[in-house]
């Protein structure tokens, strides 16, 4: 909602609902017009995934007042959906995550909604599981995933355990807009909520149910327990996040006993002091893990982001050097391992389905198709994969086997509706143990898959454009490519331009452009929904790594030259 930033700034200073500490933060920026504008030029946007932004005072910041307003809107939505709604709340290791979680719980309680709260940080996928396990009406996770330390976020889930999809989120947004002042946000104290039975703390049994369910997803449990698990050397780093305890417990319970944790990154810390970014997509995040892996002679390294919904794997290449697998590569390896073993065991359903996103490599799709599975493509965001899973469950049309996206999010099993780095860590380690027993590394298996299906290579570029001007720049870039689509790129003809803002293939409308080239390569432009970035995805398919590498570089250079001239 556009309004005068200075007016809103002064309104917050006068509002009796705002505490003095927050007002002191605002007084410290008095007279700093640009800072005031950035904090108040808009309400922090509640998108289809919820809220995400820099923490601080202001309408365009993450703070307990913005959280309270959003939660009041969510409460109104839930009360319109159910006569007796209930909500589960979880949070990660970020600064203020516990504060924001309790704030949301106290607002829900004041609206008569029973809320289940974990006593400390938990993985995002455990929240998804708990919503389903407790048959709750909704869920909330306080996290900003792998964003820098100054960020936090707030994601909302439906009764199926999946993040709200656009038509649901729009209803919540309409309710939030009805909350015009903080006077309208209802709130009980923690003590009042507990006394009225509206705030319920979850116990160890809830954790064990999640652990048991994840371990049950193993494809060859006896192989792992009877030696292959002990033979595999694993290094694990939770990157100061929520994955530490659950992943260690799952690996141990499954039979992996040779696991080494990166001590410097084991404990939760919202400042993420040992990394530039707590992102398992980045090689730099694995510096300490690679050092430890070389010391202990590990076969595989696994790392997870702060809320433990993304998993990155590091393996030795043909030169014996540790390399970070891309999300597409890890996904293809897991698809192949899962489907080949289900087939060998006679357990591969005839209506098996694999789900990926439109910016994910086609390699996993080709592998899945070779096993007779149907492949579905969704828009970016695991909420769409979860929505399709729920549709399968309701209709019985397909048996969900695996879902993934290039940004390191994976799920097997139907116990959750969000990407799960806990089960992904288990499955990639199981695959590594299985192939090690056959005398192969995961990298060697990847090369075999390239030889069989073609050498697929992908790359992601992004440009960060912050603030109000950045939003306008990103919009201008998208408008230019939409209105002036290229006829050729890097000397290759563009055979099709796909504008997903038009709602293609029955998918919801979204601001994404994808260009298909005559040689089978493609690239895609998409503004990030969670960061001030425009993302550009690239994919090529060739014969041999050298050819694919050269083709990918040429494609990236050609597209980015135009993007950078506009940024």
Protein backbone atom coordinates (compact mmCIF):
# COMPACT_ATOMS: atom_id res chain seq x y z
CA UNK A 1 0.00 0.00 0.00
CA UNK A 2 1.68 3.20 -1.21
CA UNK A 3 1.64 6.16 1.18
CA UNK A 4 3.92 8.90 2.45
CA UNK A 5 7.00 7.31 4.11
CA UNK A 6 7.63 10.30 6.40
CA UNK A 7 4.00 10.26 7.55
CA UNK A 8 4.20 6.56 8.40
CA UNK A 9 7.55 7.05 10.14
CA UNK A 10 6.03 9.68 12.42
CA UNK A 11 2.90 7.57 12.93
CA UNK A 12 5.01 4.70 14.25
CA UNK A 13 6.74 7.10 16.67
CA UNK A 14 3.35 8.22 17.99
CA UNK A 15 1.68 4.79 18.07
CA UNK A 16 1.14 3.61 21.68
CA UNK A 17 1.23 0.00 20.45
CA UNK A 18 4.90 0.34 19.42
CA UNK A 19 7.44 -0.34 22.17
CA UNK A 20 10.15 2.18 23.14
CA UNK A 21 13.03 0.06 21.91
CA UNK A 22 11.56 0.10 18.40
CA UNK A 23 10.93 3.83 18.65
CA UNK A 24 14.55 4.38 19.72
CA UNK A 25 15.66 2.59 16.56
CA UNK A 26 13.47 4.93 14.53
CA UNK A 27 14.62 8.05 16.37
CA UNK A 28 18.21 7.12 15.46
CA UNK A 29 17.41 7.58 11.74
CA UNK A 30 15.63 10.94 12.13
CA UNK A 31 16.38 13.20 9.17
CA UNK A 32 17.81 10.39 7.04
CA UNK A 33 15.33 10.63 4.19
CA UNK A 34 16.58 7.72 2.07
CA UNK A 35 16.65 5.36 5.05
CA UNK A 36 13.16 6.40 6.15
CA UNK A 37 11.85 5.97 2.62
CA UNK A 38 13.34 2.49 2.29
CA UNK A 39 11.79 1.41 5.58
CA UNK A 40 8.34 2.89 4.92
CA UNK A 41 7.79 3.30 1.17
CA UNK A 42 5.68 0.13 1.14
CA UNK A 43 4.31 -2.64 3.31
CA UNK A 44 6.59 -5.66 3.26
CA UNK A 45 4.88 -7.68 0.56
CA UNK A 46 3.05 -10.83 1.59
CA UNK A 47 3.61 -13.00 -1.47
CA UNK A 48 2.56 -16.55 -2.18
CA UNK A 49 5.29 -17.77 0.18
CA UNK A 50 4.63 -15.25 2.95
CA UNK A 51 6.97 -12.51 4.13
CA UNK A 52 10.72 -12.08 3.83
CA UNK A 53 12.87 -9.03 4.43
CA UNK A 54 15.58 -7.28 6.40
CA UNK A 55 14.90 -7.15 10.13
CA UNK A 56 14.26 -3.76 11.71
CA UNK A 57 11.62 -1.15 12.44
CA UNK A 58 9.29 -0.07 9.65
CA UNK A 59 6.52 -1.34 7.38
CA UNK A 60 9.07 -2.63 4.85
CA UNK A 61 11.00 -4.58 7.48
CA UNK A 62 10.62 -7.82 9.40
CA UNK A 63 9.58 -7.12 12.98
CA UNK A 64 7.04 -8.40 15.47
CA UNK A 65 4.48 -5.77 14.47
CA UNK A 66 4.53 -6.78 10.82
CA UNK A 67 4.42 -10.41 12.00
CA UNK A 68 1.45 -9.62 14.26
CA UNK A 69 -0.49 -7.95 11.46
CA UNK A 70 0.14 -10.84 9.08
CA UNK A 71 -0.85 -13.36 11.73
CA UNK A 72 -4.07 -11.51 12.49
CA UNK A 73 -4.93 -11.74 8.80
CA UNK A 74 -4.03 -15.43 8.74
CA UNK A 75 -6.18 -16.02 11.83
CA UNK A 76 -9.17 -14.38 10.15
CA UNK A 77 -8.62 -16.56 7.08
CA UNK A 78 -8.45 -19.74 9.20
CA UNK A 79 -11.57 -18.85 11.18
CA UNK A 80 -13.40 -18.51 7.88
CA UNK A 81 -12.21 -21.96 6.82
CA UNK A 82 -12.83 -23.97 10.02
CA UNK A 83 -14.92 -23.81 13.17
CA UNK A 84 -12.02 -25.14 15.25
CA UNK A 85 -8.74 -24.24 13.55
CA UNK A 86 -5.30 -25.14 14.88
CA UNK A 87 -1.80 -24.16 13.78
CA UNK A 88 1.73 -25.56 14.18
CA UNK A 89 4.65 -23.11 14.34
CA UNK A 90 8.37 -23.81 13.85
CA UNK A 91 11.43 -21.62 13.46
CA UNK A 92 15.09 -21.80 12.47
CA UNK A 93 18.32 -20.45 13.99
CA UNK A 94 18.05 -16.88 12.74
CA UNK A 95 18.10 -13.86 15.04
CA UNK A 96 14.60 -13.16 16.43
CA UNK A 97 13.10 -16.33 14.96
CA UNK A 98 12.03 -17.49 18.43
CA UNK A 99 10.60 -14.04 19.20
CA UNK A 100 8.58 -13.91 15.99
CA UNK A 101 7.31 -17.47 16.51
CA UNK A 102 6.01 -16.70 19.98
CA UNK A 103 4.45 -13.45 18.75
CA UNK A 104 2.54 -15.35 16.06
CA UNK A 105 1.41 -17.94 18.63
CA UNK A 106 0.13 -15.27 21.02
CA UNK A 107 -1.85 -13.55 18.25
CA UNK A 108 -3.40 -16.83 17.12
CA UNK A 109 -4.27 -17.69 20.72
CA UNK A 110 -6.03 -14.35 21.16
CA UNK A 111 -8.18 -15.32 18.19
CA UNK A 112 -9.12 -18.60 19.90
CA UNK A 113 -6.86 -20.73 17.69
CA UNK A 114 -4.94 -23.54 19.38
CA UNK A 115 -1.28 -23.36 18.45
CA UNK A 116 1.39 -26.06 18.73
CA UNK A 117 4.89 -24.67 19.18
CA UNK A 118 8.29 -26.35 19.21
CA UNK A 119 10.49 -25.37 22.16
CA UNK A 120 13.53 -24.75 19.96
CA UNK A 121 14.54 -24.64 16.33
CA UNK A 122 13.28 -27.36 13.97
CA UNK A 123 13.62 -28.03 10.22
CA UNK A 124 10.98 -26.53 7.94
CA UNK A 125 10.03 -29.98 6.58
CA UNK A 126 9.28 -31.11 10.13
CA UNK A 127 6.72 -28.33 10.33
CA UNK A 128 5.10 -29.62 7.14
CA UNK A 129 5.07 -33.13 8.59
CA UNK A 130 3.69 -31.92 11.95
CA UNK A 131 0.75 -30.10 10.32
CA UNK A 132 -0.27 -33.38 8.72
CA UNK A 133 0.64 -35.51 11.74
CA UNK A 134 -1.42 -33.39 14.15
CA UNK A 135 -4.17 -32.81 11.58
CA UNK A 136 -3.80 -29.08 12.07
CA UNK A 137 -5.54 -26.49 9.90
CA UNK A 138 -2.37 -24.59 9.07
CA UNK A 139 1.26 -23.91 9.84
CA UNK A 140 3.83 -21.15 10.11
CA UNK A 141 7.61 -21.29 9.72
CA UNK A 142 9.80 -18.36 10.73
CA UNK A 143 12.87 -18.50 8.47
CA UNK A 144 14.63 -16.69 5.66
CA UNK A 145 16.15 -19.89 4.29
CA UNK A 146 19.70 -19.17 3.06
CA UNK A 147 19.43 -15.35 2.91
CA UNK A 148 22.12 -13.20 4.61
CA UNK A 149 21.99 -12.86 8.44
CA UNK A 150 20.10 -9.55 8.43
CA UNK A 151 17.03 -11.22 6.88
CA UNK A 152 14.18 -13.16 8.37
CA UNK A 153 10.91 -14.46 6.99
CA UNK A 154 7.49 -15.92 7.67
CA UNK A 155 5.97 -18.73 5.59
CA UNK A 156 2.37 -19.90 5.84
CA UNK A 157 1.08 -23.43 5.28
CA UNK A 158 -2.31 -25.00 4.66
CA UNK A 159 -3.95 -28.09 6.14
CA UNK A 160 -2.19 -30.40 3.65
CA UNK A 161 1.21 -29.30 5.02
CA UNK A 162 2.08 -27.35 1.87
CA UNK A 163 2.82 -23.66 1.52
CA UNK A 164 -0.19 -21.68 0.42
CA UNK A 165 -0.59 -21.49 -3.35
CA UNK A 166 -1.65 -18.22 -5.02
CA UNK A 167 -5.44 -18.52 -4.77
CA UNK A 168 -5.13 -19.31 -1.02
CA UNK A 169 -2.46 -16.68 -0.38
CA UNK A 170 -4.63 -14.04 -2.04
CA UNK A 171 -7.39 -14.72 0.47
CA UNK A 172 -4.92 -14.26 3.34
CA UNK A 173 -3.61 -11.06 1.75
CA UNK A 174 -7.16 -9.69 1.58
CA UNK A 175 -7.58 -10.39 5.30
CA UNK A 176 -4.25 -8.75 6.14
CA UNK A 177 -5.33 -5.62 4.25
CA UNK A 178 -8.33 -5.39 6.56
CA UNK A 179 -5.93 -4.90 9.49
CA UNK A 180 -5.42 -1.16 9.14
CA UNK A 181 -3.82 -0.49 12.52
CA UNK A 182 -1.99 -2.39 15.24
CA UNK A 183 -5.01 -1.81 17.51
CA UNK A 184 -6.77 -4.47 15.46
CA UNK A 185 -4.15 -7.12 16.22
CA UNK A 186 -5.41 -9.30 19.05
CA UNK A 187 -2.80 -10.69 21.44
CA UNK A 188 -2.60 -12.77 24.61
CA UNK A 189 0.48 -13.05 26.78
CA UNK A 190 2.32 -16.36 26.74
CA UNK A 191 1.04 -17.11 30.24
CA UNK A 192 -2.56 -16.39 29.28
CA UNK A 193 -2.32 -18.53 26.14
CA UNK A 194 -0.83 -21.45 28.08
CA UNK A 195 -3.41 -21.17 30.90
CA UNK A 196 -6.26 -21.28 28.38
CA UNK A 197 -4.80 -24.33 26.62
CA UNK A 198 -4.33 -22.33 23.42
CA UNK A 199 -0.53 -22.60 23.42
CA UNK A 200 0.69 -26.20 23.47
CA UNK A 201 4.39 -27.06 23.54
CA UNK A 202 5.37 -30.07 21.44
CA UNK A 203 7.43 -32.83 23.08
CA UNK A 204 10.07 -35.39 22.10
CA UNK A 205 7.45 -37.79 20.76
CA UNK A 206 6.65 -35.36 17.96
CA UNK A 207 10.34 -35.36 17.00
CA UNK A 208 10.60 -39.14 17.07
CA UNK A 209 7.58 -39.56 14.80
CA UNK A 210 9.28 -37.34 12.25
CA UNK A 211 12.61 -39.18 12.54
CA UNK A 212 10.95 -42.60 12.20
CA UNK A 213 8.97 -41.48 9.15
CA UNK A 214 12.06 -40.12 7.37
CA UNK A 215 14.10 -43.26 8.09
CA UNK A 216 11.24 -45.33 6.65
CA UNK A 217 11.95 -43.78 3.24
CA UNK A 218 15.16 -45.81 2.79
CA UNK A 219 15.08 -48.02 -0.28
CA UNK A 220 17.50 -50.68 0.96
CA UNK A 221 17.46 -50.52 4.76
CA UNK A 222 19.13 -53.90 5.28
CA UNK A 223 22.05 -53.04 2.98
CA UNK A 224 22.76 -49.93 5.05
CA UNK A 225 22.41 -51.67 8.41
CA UNK A 226 24.50 -54.69 7.46
CA UNK A 227 27.71 -52.89 6.53
CA UNK A 228 27.30 -50.43 3.64
CA UNK A 229 26.33 -47.64 6.02
CA UNK A 230 29.38 -48.14 8.23
CA UNK A 231 31.67 -48.34 5.18
CA UNK A 232 30.65 -44.91 3.90
CA UNK A 233 32.57 -41.95 5.30
CA UNK A 234 30.26 -38.95 5.69
CA UNK A 235 31.02 -35.37 6.66
CA UNK A 236 28.00 -33.28 7.60
CA UNK A 237 27.62 -29.56 8.21
CA UNK A 238 24.34 -27.91 9.25
CA UNK A 239 25.86 -24.45 8.52
CA UNK A 240 24.76 -23.24 11.97
CA UNK A 241 21.15 -24.20 11.27
CA UNK A 242 18.28 -26.49 12.23
CA UNK A 243 19.57 -29.63 10.52
CA UNK A 244 22.17 -30.60 13.11
CA UNK A 245 20.25 -32.89 15.46
CA UNK A 246 17.63 -34.40 13.13
CA UNK A 247 20.08 -35.34 10.38
CA UNK A 248 22.53 -36.88 12.84
CA UNK A 249 19.68 -38.87 14.38
CA UNK A 250 18.29 -40.02 11.03
CA UNK A 251 21.68 -41.12 9.70
CA UNK A 252 22.49 -42.98 12.92
CA UNK A 253 19.09 -44.69 13.09
CA UNK A 254 19.37 -45.75 9.43
CA UNK A 255 22.79 -47.32 10.03
CA UNK A 256 25.38 -44.71 9.05
CA UNK A 257 27.96 -44.85 11.84
CA UNK A 258 30.97 -43.19 10.15
CA UNK A 259 29.63 -39.64 10.29
CA UNK A 260 31.78 -36.61 11.13
CA UNK A 261 30.19 -33.23 11.91
CA UNK A 262 32.00 -29.94 11.21
CA UNK A 263 32.43 -28.73 14.78
CA UNK A 264 32.83 -25.05 13.88
CA UNK A 265 29.43 -25.06 12.13
CA UNK A 266 27.51 -27.47 14.36
CA UNK A 267 25.85 -25.10 16.80
CA UNK A 268 22.96 -22.79 15.81
CA UNK A 269 24.06 -19.20 15.20
CA UNK A 270 21.94 -16.63 13.38
CA UNK A 271 25.04 -14.66 12.37
CA UNK A 272 26.48 -17.64 10.46
CA UNK A 273 30.03 -16.55 11.41
CA UNK A 274 32.01 -19.13 9.40
CA UNK A 275 30.49 -18.49 5.96
CA UNK A 276 29.79 -15.60 3.62
CA UNK A 277 26.35 -17.10 3.02
CA UNK A 278 24.74 -20.14 4.72
CA UNK A 279 23.90 -21.58 1.33
CA UNK A 280 24.75 -25.16 0.33
CA UNK A 281 24.67 -24.07 -3.30
CA UNK A 282 27.96 -22.23 -2.74
CA UNK A 283 31.37 -23.95 -2.80
CA UNK A 284 32.65 -21.46 -0.20
CA UNK A 285 30.13 -22.72 2.36
CA UNK A 286 31.87 -26.13 2.26
CA UNK A 287 35.43 -24.89 2.89
CA UNK A 288 35.61 -26.27 6.44
CA UNK A 289 33.72 -29.43 5.50
CA UNK A 290 36.13 -30.21 2.64
CA UNK A 291 39.09 -29.70 4.98
CA UNK A 292 37.58 -32.17 7.45
CA UNK A 293 36.65 -34.62 4.68
CA UNK A 294 40.24 -34.72 3.48
CA UNK A 295 41.45 -35.27 7.03
CA UNK A 296 39.12 -38.20 7.74
CA UNK A 297 39.04 -39.69 4.23
CA UNK A 298 35.30 -39.16 3.73
CA UNK A 299 33.44 -40.27 0.62
CA UNK A 300 30.73 -37.63 0.66
CA UNK A 301 29.95 -34.28 2.26
CA UNK A 302 26.41 -33.16 2.99
CA UNK A 303 25.43 -29.61 3.95
CA UNK A 304 22.06 -28.03 4.77
CA UNK A 305 20.79 -24.47 4.94
CA UNK A 306 19.54 -22.75 8.15
CA UNK A 307 15.98 -24.13 8.04
CA UNK A 308 17.14 -27.47 6.65
CA UNK A 309 14.98 -27.65 3.57
CA UNK A 310 17.87 -27.46 1.07
CA UNK A 311 20.68 -30.01 0.80
CA UNK A 312 23.98 -29.74 -1.03
CA UNK A 313 26.24 -32.73 -1.69
CA UNK A 314 30.00 -32.71 -2.33
CA UNK A 315 31.75 -35.71 -3.90
CA UNK A 316 35.15 -36.54 -5.36
CA UNK A 317 35.48 -36.12 -9.12
CA UNK A 318 37.60 -38.24 -11.47
CA UNK A 319 40.71 -36.35 -10.29
CA UNK A 320 40.04 -37.12 -6.64
CA UNK A 321 39.03 -33.52 -5.86
CA UNK A 322 35.90 -32.60 -3.92
CA UNK A 323 33.35 -30.80 -6.09
CA UNK A 324 29.89 -29.47 -5.17
CA UNK A 325 27.18 -31.20 -7.16
CA UNK A 326 24.56 -28.89 -8.61
CA UNK A 327 20.97 -29.31 -7.51
CA UNK A 328 20.22 -30.75 -10.92
CA UNK A 329 23.02 -33.31 -10.66
CA UNK A 330 22.06 -34.44 -7.15
CA UNK A 331 18.44 -34.66 -8.24
CA UNK A 332 19.29 -36.80 -11.27
CA UNK A 333 21.42 -39.14 -9.15
CA UNK A 334 18.66 -39.59 -6.57
CA UNK A 335 15.97 -40.11 -9.22
CA UNK A 336 18.11 -42.78 -10.87
CA UNK A 337 18.99 -44.52 -7.59
CA UNK A 338 15.42 -44.51 -6.33
CA UNK A 339 13.72 -45.67 -9.52
CA UNK A 340 16.31 -48.28 -10.50
CA UNK A 341 16.11 -49.94 -7.10
CA UNK A 342 12.33 -49.79 -6.88
CA UNK A 343 12.23 -51.44 -10.29
CA UNK A 344 14.73 -54.12 -9.24
CA UNK A 345 12.60 -54.86 -6.17
CA UNK A 346 9.39 -55.01 -8.20
CA UNK A 347 8.04 -52.02 -6.29
CA UNK A 348 7.94 -49.41 -9.06
CA UNK A 349 4.27 -48.46 -9.52
CA UNK A 350 2.84 -48.36 -13.01
CA UNK A 351 1.47 -44.88 -12.35
CA UNK A 352 4.66 -43.50 -10.79
CA UNK A 353 5.21 -39.74 -11.01
CA UNK A 354 8.23 -37.48 -10.71
CA UNK A 355 7.67 -33.73 -10.35
CA UNK A 356 10.14 -30.98 -11.19
CA UNK A 357 9.97 -27.25 -11.89
CA UNK A 358 10.17 -25.44 -15.23
CA UNK A 359 13.71 -24.19 -14.43
CA UNK A 360 14.99 -27.64 -13.44
CA UNK A 361 17.15 -29.71 -15.81
CA UNK A 362 15.46 -32.16 -18.16
CA UNK A 363 18.02 -34.83 -17.26
CA UNK A 364 16.06 -36.17 -14.31
CA UNK A 365 12.94 -36.13 -16.46
CA UNK A 366 14.69 -38.24 -19.12
CA UNK A 367 15.84 -40.70 -16.47
CA UNK A 368 12.35 -40.92 -14.96
CA UNK A 369 10.79 -41.45 -18.38
CA UNK A 370 13.24 -44.29 -19.08
CA UNK A 371 11.70 -46.11 -16.10
CA UNK A 372 8.19 -45.52 -17.37
CA UNK A 373 7.34 -42.75 -14.93
CA UNK A 374 5.31 -39.71 -15.91
CA UNK A 375 7.04 -36.37 -15.36
CA UNK A 376 5.20 -33.21 -14.36
CA UNK A 377 6.60 -29.67 -14.49
CA UNK A 378 5.42 -26.91 -12.15
CA UNK A 379 6.27 -23.28 -11.60
CA UNK A 380 9.24 -22.50 -9.36
CA UNK A 381 8.47 -23.10 -5.70
CA UNK A 382 7.93 -26.34 -3.85
CA UNK A 383 4.41 -25.25 -2.97
CA UNK A 384 3.38 -26.18 -6.51
CA UNK A 385 4.98 -29.62 -6.19
CA UNK A 386 3.14 -30.08 -2.89
CA UNK A 387 -0.14 -28.98 -4.46
CA UNK A 388 0.24 -31.59 -7.21
CA UNK A 389 1.08 -34.27 -4.63
CA UNK A 390 -2.12 -33.49 -2.75
CA UNK A 391 -4.07 -33.72 -6.01
CA UNK A 392 -2.56 -37.16 -6.68
CA UNK A 393 -3.52 -38.23 -3.17
CA UNK A 394 -7.10 -37.07 -3.63
CA UNK A 395 -7.65 -38.59 -7.06
CA UNK A 396 -5.39 -41.65 -6.93
CA UNK A 397 -4.28 -40.83 -10.47
CA UNK A 398 -0.55 -41.12 -9.78
CA UNK A 399 1.84 -42.44 -7.15
CA UNK A 400 4.27 -39.70 -6.13
CA UNK A 401 7.86 -40.94 -6.07
CA UNK A 402 10.15 -37.91 -6.12
CA UNK A 403 9.93 -34.13 -6.42
CA UNK A 404 12.77 -31.67 -6.82
CA UNK A 405 13.92 -28.28 -7.98
CA UNK A 406 17.32 -27.08 -9.14
CA UNK A 407 17.71 -24.92 -6.03
CA UNK A 408 18.66 -27.95 -3.90
CA UNK A 409 15.16 -28.90 -2.76
CA UNK A 410 14.11 -32.58 -2.78
CA UNK A 411 11.42 -34.85 -1.39
CA UNK A 412 10.64 -38.53 -1.52
CA UNK A 413 7.71 -39.95 0.42
CA UNK A 414 4.31 -38.37 1.00
CA UNK A 415 4.68 -37.51 4.71
CA UNK A 416 5.37 -33.82 3.95
CA UNK A 417 4.50 -31.23 1.32
CA UNK A 418 7.74 -29.28 1.33
CA UNK A 419 11.32 -29.94 0.33
CA UNK A 420 13.20 -31.88 2.99
CA UNK A 421 16.97 -31.75 3.43
CA UNK A 422 16.71 -34.45 6.11
CA UNK A 423 15.38 -37.12 3.75
CA UNK A 424 17.59 -35.81 0.93
CA UNK A 425 20.68 -36.21 3.11
CA UNK A 426 19.61 -39.75 3.92
CA UNK A 427 18.85 -40.67 0.29
CA UNK A 428 22.06 -39.23 -1.19
CA UNK A 429 24.11 -41.03 1.49
CA UNK A 430 22.21 -44.25 0.81
CA UNK A 431 22.92 -43.92 -2.91
CA UNK A 432 26.61 -43.25 -2.22
CA UNK A 433 26.80 -46.31 0.07
CA UNK A 434 25.07 -48.52 -2.48
CA UNK A 435 27.33 -47.49 -5.34
CA UNK A 436 30.44 -47.71 -3.13
CA UNK A 437 29.51 -51.33 -2.44
CA UNK A 438 29.54 -51.78 -6.23
CA UNK A 439 32.95 -50.11 -6.48
CA UNK A 440 31.66 -46.81 -7.90
CA UNK A 441 31.57 -43.20 -6.75
CA UNK A 442 28.57 -40.93 -7.28
CA UNK A 443 30.63 -38.92 -9.75
CA UNK A 444 31.31 -42.04 -11.82
CA UNK A 445 27.60 -42.82 -11.81
CA UNK A 446 26.91 -39.26 -12.99
CA UNK A 447 29.28 -39.74 -15.93
CA UNK A 448 27.51 -43.01 -16.77
CA UNK A 449 24.19 -41.15 -16.81
CA UNK A 450 25.69 -38.49 -19.11
CA UNK A 451 26.85 -41.22 -21.48
CA UNK A 452 23.40 -42.78 -21.52
CA UNK A 453 21.12 -39.73 -21.57
CA UNK A 454 23.34 -36.91 -22.84
CA UNK A 455 25.57 -34.41 -21.07
CA UNK A 456 23.29 -31.92 -19.38
CA UNK A 457 24.88 -28.83 -17.88
CA UNK A 458 23.13 -25.94 -16.18
CA UNK A 459 24.08 -22.63 -14.62
CA UNK A 460 22.34 -19.95 -12.59
CA UNK A 461 23.29 -16.30 -12.77
CA UNK A 462 21.69 -13.60 -10.65
CA UNK A 463 21.93 -9.86 -10.26
CA UNK A 464 21.07 -8.18 -6.96
CA UNK A 465 19.19 -4.88 -7.35
CA UNK A 466 18.16 -3.56 -3.97
CA UNK A 467 15.56 -1.08 -2.82
CA UNK A 468 12.84 0.80 -4.64
CA UNK A 469 15.08 1.52 -7.65
CA UNK A 470 16.07 -2.13 -7.82
CA UNK A 471 12.45 -3.24 -8.06
CA UNK A 472 11.96 -0.85 -10.96
CA UNK A 473 15.14 -2.05 -12.70
CA UNK A 474 14.11 -5.70 -12.47
CA UNK A 475 10.71 -4.80 -13.88
CA UNK A 476 12.31 -2.92 -16.75
CA UNK A 477 14.57 -5.86 -17.62
CA UNK A 478 11.62 -8.25 -17.71
CA UNK A 479 9.59 -5.80 -19.82
CA UNK A 480 12.41 -5.43 -22.33
CA UNK A 481 12.86 -9.18 -22.87
CA UNK A 482 9.08 -9.65 -23.00
CA UNK A 483 8.51 -6.91 -25.55
CA UNK A 484 11.70 -7.51 -27.55
CA UNK A 485 12.30 -11.28 -27.51
CA UNK A 486 15.52 -12.36 -29.25
CA UNK A 487 15.37 -14.17 -32.57
CA UNK A 488 18.72 -15.82 -31.89
CA UNK A 489 21.23 -16.10 -29.05
CA UNK A 490 24.89 -17.09 -29.41
CA UNK A 491 24.26 -17.85 -33.08
CA UNK A 492 21.45 -20.30 -32.29
CA UNK A 493 17.85 -19.65 -33.36
CA UNK A 494 15.25 -19.08 -30.64
CA UNK A 495 12.44 -21.44 -31.65
CA UNK A 496 9.95 -20.60 -28.90
CA UNK A 497 9.36 -17.85 -26.33
CA UNK A 498 7.26 -18.83 -23.33
CA UNK A 499 5.66 -16.10 -21.22
CA UNK A 500 4.32 -17.71 -18.07
CA UNK A 501 2.59 -14.46 -17.11
CA UNK A 502 -0.09 -15.68 -19.53
CA UNK A 503 -0.73 -18.81 -17.46
CA UNK A 504 0.75 -21.42 -19.80
CA UNK A 505 0.06 -25.16 -19.62
CA UNK A 506 -2.67 -24.69 -17.04
CA UNK A 507 -0.20 -23.19 -14.56
CA UNK A 508 -0.93 -20.06 -12.52
CA UNK A 509 0.26 -16.81 -14.10
CA UNK A 510 3.77 -15.87 -12.97
CA UNK A 511 6.33 -13.34 -14.15
CA UNK A 512 8.71 -15.81 -15.85
CA UNK A 513 10.11 -15.84 -19.39
CA UNK A 514 11.65 -18.96 -20.94
CA UNK A 515 13.34 -19.13 -24.33
CA UNK A 516 13.85 -22.46 -26.14
CA UNK A 517 16.69 -22.72 -28.69
CA UNK A 518 17.00 -24.89 -31.79
CA UNK A 519 19.84 -26.99 -30.34
CA UNK A 520 17.78 -28.06 -27.33
CA UNK A 521 19.27 -25.51 -24.93
CA UNK A 522 17.18 -22.94 -23.08
CA UNK A 523 17.39 -19.99 -20.73
CA UNK A 524 14.89 -18.42 -18.39
CA UNK A 525 14.49 -15.03 -16.66
CA UNK A 526 12.70 -14.84 -13.33
CA UNK A 527 12.57 -12.20 -10.58
CA UNK A 528 13.19 -13.82 -7.20
CA UNK A 529 10.17 -13.95 -4.93
CA UNK A 530 12.27 -13.84 -1.77
CA UNK A 531 15.32 -11.68 -2.52
CA UNK A 532 16.01 -8.41 -4.41
CA UNK A 533 17.35 -10.34 -7.38
CA UNK A 534 16.65 -11.25 -10.95
CA UNK A 535 17.64 -14.84 -11.68
CA UNK A 536 18.68 -16.17 -15.06
CA UNK A 537 18.73 -19.94 -15.57
CA UNK A 538 20.65 -21.69 -18.36
CA UNK A 539 20.67 -25.28 -19.62
CA UNK A 540 22.38 -27.11 -22.47
CA UNK A 541 22.49 -30.72 -23.63
CA UNK A 542 25.42 -32.00 -25.65
CA UNK A 543 27.73 -34.98 -26.09
CA UNK A 544 30.73 -34.82 -23.78
CA UNK A 545 31.67 -32.43 -20.98
CA UNK A 546 33.98 -30.27 -23.11
CA UNK A 547 31.33 -29.62 -25.75
CA UNK A 548 28.63 -28.96 -23.17
CA UNK A 549 30.89 -26.64 -21.16
CA UNK A 550 31.75 -24.58 -24.23
CA UNK A 551 28.10 -24.35 -25.32
CA UNK A 552 27.00 -23.30 -21.85
CA UNK A 553 29.63 -20.57 -21.62
CA UNK A 554 28.64 -19.15 -24.99
CA UNK A 555 24.97 -19.09 -24.04
CA UNK A 556 25.60 -17.49 -20.65
CA UNK A 557 27.94 -14.83 -22.05
CA UNK A 558 25.49 -13.83 -24.79
CA UNK A 559 22.45 -13.51 -22.52
CA UNK A 560 24.25 -11.82 -19.64
CA UNK A 561 25.80 -9.23 -21.93
CA UNK A 562 22.28 -7.98 -22.67
CA UNK A 563 21.07 -8.28 -19.06
CA UNK A 564 24.09 -6.42 -17.68
CA UNK A 565 23.63 -3.61 -20.18
CA UNK A 566 20.21 -3.05 -18.60
CA UNK A 567 20.99 -3.62 -14.90
